[in-house]
Amino acid sequence: MGAILYVLLCAVIAGGLIQIIVGSSFMELALALSGALVFSLYLVYDTQQIMRKTSPEEYIDAAIQIYLDITRLFIETLRLLEAMRRG
């Protein structure tokens, strides 16, 4: 599942670069939605990895990983709300 998430993340990044050139409001909405979906899946994936493979001594790394996932999900949600507000 990690490889699929990586490919999806690369697609969102590539879409963001295309969005810079094109400047479409629909594409901005689609990118925000897909970004929120990708980081939601990353949050689930990382939580699963922490529960299965992380030792108790690595709790700081695990906490940072979850924090970064939640932060990116929050940012993508804000982008989605902004894109919806602009129409």
PDB file of N, CA and C in Angstrom:
ATOM      1  N   MET A   1       0.817  -1.193   0.000  1.00  0.00           N
ATOM      2  CA  MET A   1       0.000   0.000   0.000  1.00  0.00           C
ATOM      3  C   MET A   1       0.862   1.257   0.000  1.00  0.00           C
ATOM      4  N   GLY A   2       2.060   1.151   0.558  1.00  0.00           N
ATOM      5  CA  GLY A   2       2.948   2.303   0.604  1.00  0.00           C
ATOM      6  C   GLY A   2       3.359   2.779  -0.778  1.00  0.00           C
ATOM      7  N   ALA A   3       3.579   1.843  -1.695  1.00  0.00           N
ATOM      8  CA  ALA A   3       3.964   2.220  -3.059  1.00  0.00           C
ATOM      9  C   ALA A   3       2.819   2.922  -3.779  1.00  0.00           C
ATOM     10  N   ILE A   4       1.610   2.462  -3.550  1.00  0.00           N
ATOM     11  CA  ILE A   4       0.442   3.099  -4.176  1.00  0.00           C
ATOM     12  C   ILE A   4       0.275   4.516  -3.652  1.00  0.00           C
ATOM     13  N   LEU A   5       0.460   4.695  -2.344  1.00  0.00           N
ATOM     14  CA  LEU A   5       0.352   6.036  -1.764  1.00  0.00           C
ATOM     15  C   LEU A   5       1.433   6.960  -2.307  1.00  0.00           C
ATOM     16  N   TYR A   6       2.623   6.421  -2.504  1.00  0.00           N
ATOM     17  CA  TYR A   6       3.707   7.229  -3.059  1.00  0.00           C
ATOM     18  C   TYR A   6       3.374   7.687  -4.476  1.00  0.00           C
ATOM     19  N   VAL A   7       2.833   6.800  -5.280  1.00  0.00           N
ATOM     20  CA  VAL A   7       2.443   7.156  -6.651  1.00  0.00           C
ATOM     21  C   VAL A   7       1.338   8.207  -6.630  1.00  0.00           C
ATOM     22  N   LEU A   8       0.362   8.041  -5.742  1.00  0.00           N
ATOM     23  CA  LEU A   8      -0.714   9.030  -5.630  1.00  0.00           C
ATOM     24  C   LEU A   8      -0.174  10.387  -5.192  1.00  0.00           C
ATOM     25  N   LEU A   9       0.768  10.382  -4.254  1.00  0.00           N
ATOM     26  CA  LEU A   9       1.375  11.637  -3.811  1.00  0.00           C
ATOM     27  C   LEU A   9       2.134  12.307  -4.949  1.00  0.00           C
ATOM     28  N   CYS A  10       2.864  11.527  -5.736  1.00  0.00           N
ATOM     29  CA  CYS A  10       3.572  12.085  -6.894  1.00  0.00           C
ATOM     30  C   CYS A  10       2.591  12.657  -7.912  1.00  0.00           C
ATOM     31  N   ALA A  11       1.448  12.006  -8.082  1.00  0.00           N
ATOM     32  CA  ALA A  11       0.430  12.516  -9.002  1.00  0.00           C
ATOM     33  C   ALA A  11      -0.141  13.842  -8.508  1.00  0.00           C
ATOM     34  N   VAL A  12      -0.355  13.963  -7.206  1.00  0.00           N
ATOM     35  CA  VAL A  12      -0.854  15.226  -6.645  1.00  0.00           C
ATOM     36  C   VAL A  12       0.185  16.330  -6.823  1.00  0.00           C
ATOM     37  N   ILE A  13       1.447  16.004  -6.617  1.00  0.00           N
ATOM     38  CA  ILE A  13       2.511  16.994  -6.805  1.00  0.00           C
ATOM     39  C   ILE A  13       2.598  17.412  -8.267  1.00  0.00           C
ATOM     40  N   ALA A  14       2.539  16.451  -9.180  1.00  0.00           N
ATOM     41  CA  ALA A  14       2.570  16.775 -10.613  1.00  0.00           C
ATOM     42  C   ALA A  14       1.358  17.617 -10.997  1.00  0.00           C
ATOM     43  N   GLY A  15       0.200  17.277 -10.454  1.00  0.00           N
ATOM     44  CA  GLY A  15      -0.995  18.075 -10.709  1.00  0.00           C
ATOM     45  C   GLY A  15      -0.847  19.491 -10.188  1.00  0.00           C
ATOM     46  N   GLY A  16      -0.191  19.645  -9.054  1.00  0.00           N
ATOM     47  CA  GLY A  16       0.068  20.978  -8.511  1.00  0.00           C
ATOM     48  C   GLY A  16       0.965  21.801  -9.413  1.00  0.00           C
ATOM     49  N   LEU A  17       1.953  21.157 -10.001  1.00  0.00           N
ATOM     50  CA  LEU A  17       2.828  21.872 -10.937  1.00  0.00           C
ATOM     51  C   LEU A  17       2.071  22.278 -12.195  1.00  0.00           C
ATOM     52  N   ILE A  18       1.204  21.409 -12.666  1.00  0.00           N
ATOM     53  CA  ILE A  18       0.376  21.747 -13.832  1.00  0.00           C
ATOM     54  C   ILE A  18      -0.603  22.858 -13.473  1.00  0.00           C
ATOM     55  N   GLN A  19      -1.121  22.830 -12.246  1.00  0.00           N
ATOM     56  CA  GLN A  19      -2.054  23.862 -11.790  1.00  0.00           C
ATOM     57  C   GLN A  19      -1.405  25.242 -11.804  1.00  0.00           C
ATOM     58  N   ILE A  20      -0.127  25.305 -11.501  1.00  0.00           N
ATOM     59  CA  ILE A  20       0.586  26.585 -11.536  1.00  0.00           C
ATOM     60  C   ILE A  20       0.547  27.168 -12.941  1.00  0.00           C
ATOM     61  N   ILE A  21       0.695  26.328 -13.945  1.00  0.00           N
ATOM     62  CA  ILE A  21       0.707  26.788 -15.337  1.00  0.00           C
ATOM     63  C   ILE A  21      -0.704  27.080 -15.832  1.00  0.00           C
ATOM     64  N   VAL A  22      -1.638  26.173 -15.569  1.00  0.00           N
ATOM     65  CA  VAL A  22      -2.994  26.280 -16.113  1.00  0.00           C
ATOM     66  C   VAL A  22      -3.828  27.295 -15.344  1.00  0.00           C
ATOM     67  N   GLY A  23      -3.871  27.186 -14.033  1.00  0.00           N
ATOM     68  CA  GLY A  23      -4.625  28.117 -13.211  1.00  0.00           C
ATOM     69  C   GLY A  23      -6.127  27.909 -13.227  1.00  0.00           C
ATOM     70  N   SER A  24      -6.588  26.689 -13.373  1.00  0.00           N
ATOM     71  CA  SER A  24      -8.014  26.383 -13.423  1.00  0.00           C
ATOM     72  C   SER A  24      -8.580  26.243 -12.007  1.00  0.00           C
ATOM     73  N   SER A  25      -9.760  26.824 -11.774  1.00  0.00           N
ATOM     74  CA  SER A  25     -10.383  26.705 -10.452  1.00  0.00           C
ATOM     75  C   SER A  25     -10.892  25.282 -10.214  1.00  0.00           C
ATOM     76  N   PHE A  26     -11.353  24.614 -11.271  1.00  0.00           N
ATOM     77  CA  PHE A  26     -11.787  23.221 -11.128  1.00  0.00           C
ATOM     78  C   PHE A  26     -10.607  22.329 -10.761  1.00  0.00           C
ATOM     79  N   MET A  27      -9.470  22.568 -11.373  1.00  0.00           N
ATOM     80  CA  MET A  27      -8.293  21.756 -11.076  1.00  0.00           C
ATOM     81  C   MET A  27      -7.817  22.008  -9.644  1.00  0.00           C
ATOM     82  N   GLU A  28      -7.941  23.235  -9.191  1.00  0.00           N
ATOM     83  CA  GLU A  28      -7.576  23.543  -7.810  1.00  0.00           C
ATOM     84  C   GLU A  28      -8.458  22.767  -6.831  1.00  0.00           C
ATOM     85  N   LEU A  29      -9.751  22.719  -7.122  1.00  0.00           N
ATOM     86  CA  LEU A  29     -10.682  21.962  -6.287  1.00  0.00           C
ATOM     87  C   LEU A  29     -10.357  20.466  -6.326  1.00  0.00           C
ATOM     88  N   ALA A  30     -10.082  19.951  -7.512  1.00  0.00           N
ATOM     89  CA  ALA A  30      -9.754  18.530  -7.657  1.00  0.00           C
ATOM     90  C   ALA A  30      -8.456  18.181  -6.934  1.00  0.00           C
ATOM     91  N   LEU A  31      -7.466  19.061  -7.012  1.00  0.00           N
ATOM     92  CA  LEU A  31      -6.199  18.810  -6.326  1.00  0.00           C
ATOM     93  C   LEU A  31      -6.367  18.848  -4.815  1.00  0.00           C
ATOM     94  N   ALA A  32      -7.152  19.787  -4.325  1.00  0.00           N
ATOM     95  CA  ALA A  32      -7.378  19.863  -2.883  1.00  0.00           C
ATOM     96  C   ALA A  32      -8.114  18.623  -2.390  1.00  0.00           C
ATOM     97  N   LEU A  33      -9.083  18.178  -3.152  1.00  0.00           N
ATOM     98  CA  LEU A  33      -9.834  16.981  -2.777  1.00  0.00           C
ATOM     99  C   LEU A  33      -8.948  15.738  -2.822  1.00  0.00           C
ATOM    100  N   SER A  34      -8.178  15.604  -3.882  1.00  0.00           N
ATOM    101  CA  SER A  34      -7.301  14.435  -3.985  1.00  0.00           C
ATOM    102  C   SER A  34      -6.186  14.488  -2.943  1.00  0.00           C
ATOM    103  N   GLY A  35      -5.679  15.680  -2.647  1.00  0.00           N
ATOM    104  CA  GLY A  35      -4.663  15.808  -1.602  1.00  0.00           C
ATOM    105  C   GLY A  35      -5.196  15.414  -0.237  1.00  0.00           C
ATOM    106  N   ALA A  36      -6.420  15.840   0.068  1.00  0.00           N
ATOM    107  CA  ALA A  36      -7.035  15.458   1.344  1.00  0.00           C
ATOM    108  C   ALA A  36      -7.242  13.948   1.406  1.00  0.00           C
ATOM    109  N   LEU A  37      -7.646  13.360   0.301  1.00  0.00           N
ATOM    110  CA  LEU A  37      -7.838  11.910   0.262  1.00  0.00           C
ATOM    111  C   LEU A  37      -6.511  11.174   0.454  1.00  0.00           C
ATOM    112  N   VAL A  38      -5.474  11.627  -0.229  1.00  0.00           N
ATOM    113  CA  VAL A  38      -4.167  10.970  -0.127  1.00  0.00           C
ATOM    114  C   VAL A  38      -3.637  11.049   1.301  1.00  0.00           C
ATOM    115  N   PHE A  39      -3.742  12.213   1.931  1.00  0.00           N
ATOM    116  CA  PHE A  39      -3.204  12.332   3.284  1.00  0.00           C
ATOM    117  C   PHE A  39      -4.088  11.645   4.319  1.00  0.00           C
ATOM    118  N   SER A  40      -5.365  11.476   4.027  1.00  0.00           N
ATOM    119  CA  SER A  40      -6.206  10.643   4.893  1.00  0.00           C
ATOM    120  C   SER A  40      -5.731   9.194   4.831  1.00  0.00           C
ATOM    121  N   LEU A  41      -5.433   8.742   3.621  1.00  0.00           N
ATOM    122  CA  LEU A  41      -4.927   7.377   3.464  1.00  0.00           C
ATOM    123  C   LEU A  41      -3.549   7.219   4.101  1.00  0.00           C
ATOM    124  N   TYR A  42      -2.705   8.256   3.993  1.00  0.00           N
ATOM    125  CA  TYR A  42      -1.399   8.215   4.649  1.00  0.00           C
ATOM    126  C   TYR A  42      -1.547   8.115   6.162  1.00  0.00           C
ATOM    127  N   LEU A  43      -2.517   8.819   6.718  1.00  0.00           N
ATOM    128  CA  LEU A  43      -2.745   8.752   8.160  1.00  0.00           C
ATOM    129  C   LEU A  43      -3.133   7.334   8.576  1.00  0.00           C
ATOM    130  N   VAL A  44      -4.008   6.712   7.816  1.00  0.00           N
ATOM    131  CA  VAL A  44      -4.409   5.329   8.111  1.00  0.00           C
ATOM    132  C   VAL A  44      -3.219   4.383   7.947  1.00  0.00           C
ATOM    133  N   TYR A  45      -2.477   4.551   6.867  1.00  0.00           N
ATOM    134  CA  TYR A  45      -1.334   3.678   6.596  1.00  0.00           C
ATOM    135  C   TYR A  45      -0.265   3.815   7.682  1.00  0.00           C
ATOM    136  N   ASP A  46       0.075   5.050   8.035  1.00  0.00           N
ATOM    137  CA  ASP A  46       1.113   5.251   9.050  1.00  0.00           C
ATOM    138  C   ASP A  46       0.676   4.738  10.416  1.00  0.00           C
ATOM    139  N   THR A  47      -0.593   4.909  10.738  1.00  0.00           N
ATOM    140  CA  THR A  47      -1.093   4.374  12.005  1.00  0.00           C
ATOM    141  C   THR A  47      -0.988   2.855  12.019  1.00  0.00           C
ATOM    142  N   GLN A  48      -1.319   2.233  10.898  1.00  0.00           N
ATOM    143  CA  GLN A  48      -1.203   0.777  10.796  1.00  0.00           C
ATOM    144  C   GLN A  48       0.258   0.345  10.932  1.00  0.00           C
ATOM    145  N   GLN A  49       1.162   1.064  10.283  1.00  0.00           N
ATOM    146  CA  GLN A  49       2.580   0.728  10.368  1.00  0.00           C
ATOM    147  C   GLN A  49       3.095   0.886  11.796  1.00  0.00           C
ATOM    148  N   ILE A  50       2.649   1.930  12.474  1.00  0.00           N
ATOM    149  CA  ILE A  50       3.087   2.150  13.852  1.00  0.00           C
ATOM    150  C   ILE A  50       2.606   1.015  14.749  1.00  0.00           C
ATOM    151  N   MET A  51       1.368   0.614  14.567  1.00  0.00           N
ATOM    152  CA  MET A  51       0.813  -0.448  15.414  1.00  0.00           C
ATOM    153  C   MET A  51       1.494  -1.794  15.161  1.00  0.00           C
ATOM    154  N   ARG A  52       1.913  -2.039  13.937  1.00  0.00           N
ATOM    155  CA  ARG A  52       2.476  -3.351  13.605  1.00  0.00           C
ATOM    156  C   ARG A  52       3.994  -3.427  13.735  1.00  0.00           C
ATOM    157  N   LYS A  53       4.706  -2.380  13.322  1.00  0.00           N
ATOM    158  CA  LYS A  53       6.149  -2.521  13.154  1.00  0.00           C
ATOM    159  C   LYS A  53       7.003  -1.633  14.050  1.00  0.00           C
ATOM    160  N   THR A  54       6.429  -0.646  14.696  1.00  0.00           N
ATOM    161  CA  THR A  54       7.238   0.285  15.470  1.00  0.00           C
ATOM    162  C   THR A  54       7.416  -0.234  16.889  1.00  0.00           C
ATOM    163  N   SER A  55       8.656  -0.187  17.341  1.00  0.00           N
ATOM    164  CA  SER A  55       8.924  -0.614  18.713  1.00  0.00           C
ATOM    165  C   SER A  55       8.605   0.534  19.676  1.00  0.00           C
ATOM    166  N   PRO A  56       8.410   0.227  20.944  1.00  0.00           N
ATOM    167  CA  PRO A  56       8.089   1.284  21.915  1.00  0.00           C
ATOM    168  C   PRO A  56       9.182   2.346  22.056  1.00  0.00           C
ATOM    169  N   GLU A  57      10.403   2.010  21.713  1.00  0.00           N
ATOM    170  CA  GLU A  57      11.491   2.983  21.809  1.00  0.00           C
ATOM    171  C   GLU A  57      11.422   4.043  20.707  1.00  0.00           C
ATOM    172  N   GLU A  58      10.657   3.775  19.672  1.00  0.00           N
ATOM    173  CA  GLU A  58      10.556   4.704  18.542  1.00  0.00           C
ATOM    174  C   GLU A  58       9.296   5.564  18.609  1.00  0.00           C
ATOM    175  N   TYR A  59       8.828   5.835  19.808  1.00  0.00           N
ATOM    176  CA  TYR A  59       7.572   6.567  19.950  1.00  0.00           C
ATOM    177  C   TYR A  59       7.675   8.005  19.461  1.00  0.00           C
ATOM    178  N   ILE A  60       8.854   8.610  19.548  1.00  0.00           N
ATOM    179  CA  ILE A  60       9.004   9.995  19.089  1.00  0.00           C
ATOM    180  C   ILE A  60       8.858  10.060  17.573  1.00  0.00           C
ATOM    181  N   ASP A  61       9.508   9.160  16.868  1.00  0.00           N
ATOM    182  CA  ASP A  61       9.371   9.118  15.408  1.00  0.00           C
ATOM    183  C   ASP A  61       7.923   8.866  14.994  1.00  0.00           C
ATOM    184  N   ALA A  62       7.264   7.976  15.708  1.00  0.00           N
ATOM    185  CA  ALA A  62       5.871   7.668  15.389  1.00  0.00           C
ATOM    186  C   ALA A  62       4.973   8.877  15.631  1.00  0.00           C
ATOM    187  N   ALA A  63       5.204   9.577  16.727  1.00  0.00           N
ATOM    188  CA  ALA A  63       4.393  10.763  17.029  1.00  0.00           C
ATOM    189  C   ALA A  63       4.611  11.857  15.991  1.00  0.00           C
ATOM    190  N   ILE A  64       5.840  12.032  15.552  1.00  0.00           N
ATOM    191  CA  ILE A  64       6.134  13.035  14.524  1.00  0.00           C
ATOM    192  C   ILE A  64       5.463  12.660  13.213  1.00  0.00           C
ATOM    193  N   GLN A  65       5.483  11.399  12.867  1.00  0.00           N
ATOM    194  CA  GLN A  65       4.850  10.948  11.624  1.00  0.00           C
ATOM    195  C   GLN A  65       3.348  11.216  11.638  1.00  0.00           C
ATOM    196  N   ILE A  66       2.693  10.887  12.736  1.00  0.00           N
ATOM    197  CA  ILE A  66       1.252  11.142  12.853  1.00  0.00           C
ATOM    198  C   ILE A  66       0.979  12.645  12.840  1.00  0.00           C
ATOM    199  N   TYR A  67       1.810  13.418  13.532  1.00  0.00           N
ATOM    200  CA  TYR A  67       1.650  14.872  13.556  1.00  0.00           C
ATOM    201  C   TYR A  67       1.741  15.452  12.146  1.00  0.00           C
ATOM    202  N   LEU A  68       2.721  15.011  11.374  1.00  0.00           N
ATOM    203  CA  LEU A  68       2.884  15.518  10.009  1.00  0.00           C
ATOM    204  C   LEU A  68       1.710  15.122   9.121  1.00  0.00           C
ATOM    205  N   ASP A  69       1.211  13.914   9.280  1.00  0.00           N
ATOM    206  CA  ASP A  69       0.038  13.484   8.504  1.00  0.00           C
ATOM    207  C   ASP A  69      -1.181  14.340   8.823  1.00  0.00           C
ATOM    208  N   ILE A  70      -1.414  14.591  10.099  1.00  0.00           N
ATOM    209  CA  ILE A  70      -2.572  15.392  10.496  1.00  0.00           C
ATOM    210  C   ILE A  70      -2.412  16.831  10.026  1.00  0.00           C
ATOM    211  N   THR A  71      -1.198  17.367  10.108  1.00  0.00           N
ATOM    212  CA  THR A  71      -0.954  18.736   9.651  1.00  0.00           C
ATOM    213  C   THR A  71      -1.215  18.865   8.156  1.00  0.00           C
ATOM    214  N   ARG A  72      -0.702  17.942   7.366  1.00  0.00           N
ATOM    215  CA  ARG A  72      -0.936  17.997   5.917  1.00  0.00           C
ATOM    216  C   ARG A  72      -2.412  17.809   5.578  1.00  0.00           C
ATOM    217  N   LEU A  73      -3.086  16.932   6.301  1.00  0.00           N
ATOM    218  CA  LEU A  73      -4.522  16.743   6.091  1.00  0.00           C
ATOM    219  C   LEU A  73      -5.283  18.028   6.410  1.00  0.00           C
ATOM    220  N   PHE A  74      -4.903  18.711   7.470  1.00  0.00           N
ATOM    221  CA  PHE A  74      -5.538  19.977   7.833  1.00  0.00           C
ATOM    222  C   PHE A  74      -5.309  21.030   6.754  1.00  0.00           C
ATOM    223  N   ILE A  75      -4.089  21.122   6.253  1.00  0.00           N
ATOM    224  CA  ILE A  75      -3.777  22.100   5.202  1.00  0.00           C
ATOM    225  C   ILE A  75      -4.566  21.796   3.936  1.00  0.00           C
ATOM    226  N   GLU A  76      -4.643  20.542   3.562  1.00  0.00           N
ATOM    227  CA  GLU A  76      -5.408  20.173   2.366  1.00  0.00           C
ATOM    228  C   GLU A  76      -6.899  20.436   2.561  1.00  0.00           C
ATOM    229  N   THR A  77      -7.399  20.231   3.771  1.00  0.00           N
ATOM    230  CA  THR A  77      -8.806  20.534   4.052  1.00  0.00           C
ATOM    231  C   THR A  77      -9.062  22.028   3.929  1.00  0.00           C
ATOM    232  N   LEU A  78      -8.135  22.845   4.414  1.00  0.00           N
ATOM    233  CA  LEU A  78      -8.269  24.296   4.258  1.00  0.00           C
ATOM    234  C   LEU A  78      -8.238  24.701   2.787  1.00  0.00           C
ATOM    235  N   ARG A  79      -7.363  24.078   2.012  1.00  0.00           N
ATOM    236  CA  ARG A  79      -7.325  24.360   0.572  1.00  0.00           C
ATOM    237  C   ARG A  79      -8.636  23.980  -0.095  1.00  0.00           C
ATOM    238  N   LEU A  80      -9.205  22.856   0.315  1.00  0.00           N
ATOM    239  CA  LEU A  80     -10.478  22.408  -0.240  1.00  0.00           C
ATOM    240  C   LEU A  80     -11.591  23.394   0.097  1.00  0.00           C
ATOM    241  N   LEU A  81     -11.647  23.836   1.336  1.00  0.00           N
ATOM    242  CA  LEU A  81     -12.672  24.802   1.733  1.00  0.00           C
ATOM    243  C   LEU A  81     -12.506  26.129   0.998  1.00  0.00           C
ATOM    244  N   GLU A  82     -11.267  26.552   0.816  1.00  0.00           N
ATOM    245  CA  GLU A  82     -11.014  27.801   0.085  1.00  0.00           C
ATOM    246  C   GLU A  82     -11.419  27.665  -1.382  1.00  0.00           C
ATOM    247  N   ALA A  83     -11.113  26.540  -1.983  1.00  0.00           N
ATOM    248  CA  ALA A  83     -11.490  26.322  -3.387  1.00  0.00           C
ATOM    249  C   ALA A  83     -13.003  26.260  -3.539  1.00  0.00           C
ATOM    250  N   MET A  84     -13.687  25.672  -2.575  1.00  0.00           N
ATOM    251  CA  MET A  84     -15.146  25.613  -2.633  1.00  0.00           C
ATOM    252  C   MET A  84     -15.764  26.998  -2.415  1.00  0.00           C
ATOM    253  N   ARG A  85     -15.144  27.801  -1.568  1.00  0.00           N
ATOM    254  CA  ARG A  85     -15.666  29.140  -1.301  1.00  0.00           C
ATOM    255  C   ARG A  85     -15.558  30.025  -2.537  1.00  0.00           C
ATOM    256  N   ARG A  86     -14.447  29.884  -3.247  1.00  0.00           N
ATOM    257  CA  ARG A  86     -14.249  30.689  -4.453  1.00  0.00           C
ATOM    258  C   ARG A  86     -15.128  30.229  -5.607  1.00  0.00           C
ATOM    259  N   GLY A  87     -15.535  28.982  -5.554  1.00  0.00           N
ATOM    260  CA  GLY A  87     -16.455  28.462  -6.571  1.00  0.00           C
ATOM    261  C   GLY A  87     -15.740  28.027  -7.771  1.00  0.00           C
TER     262      GLY A  87
END
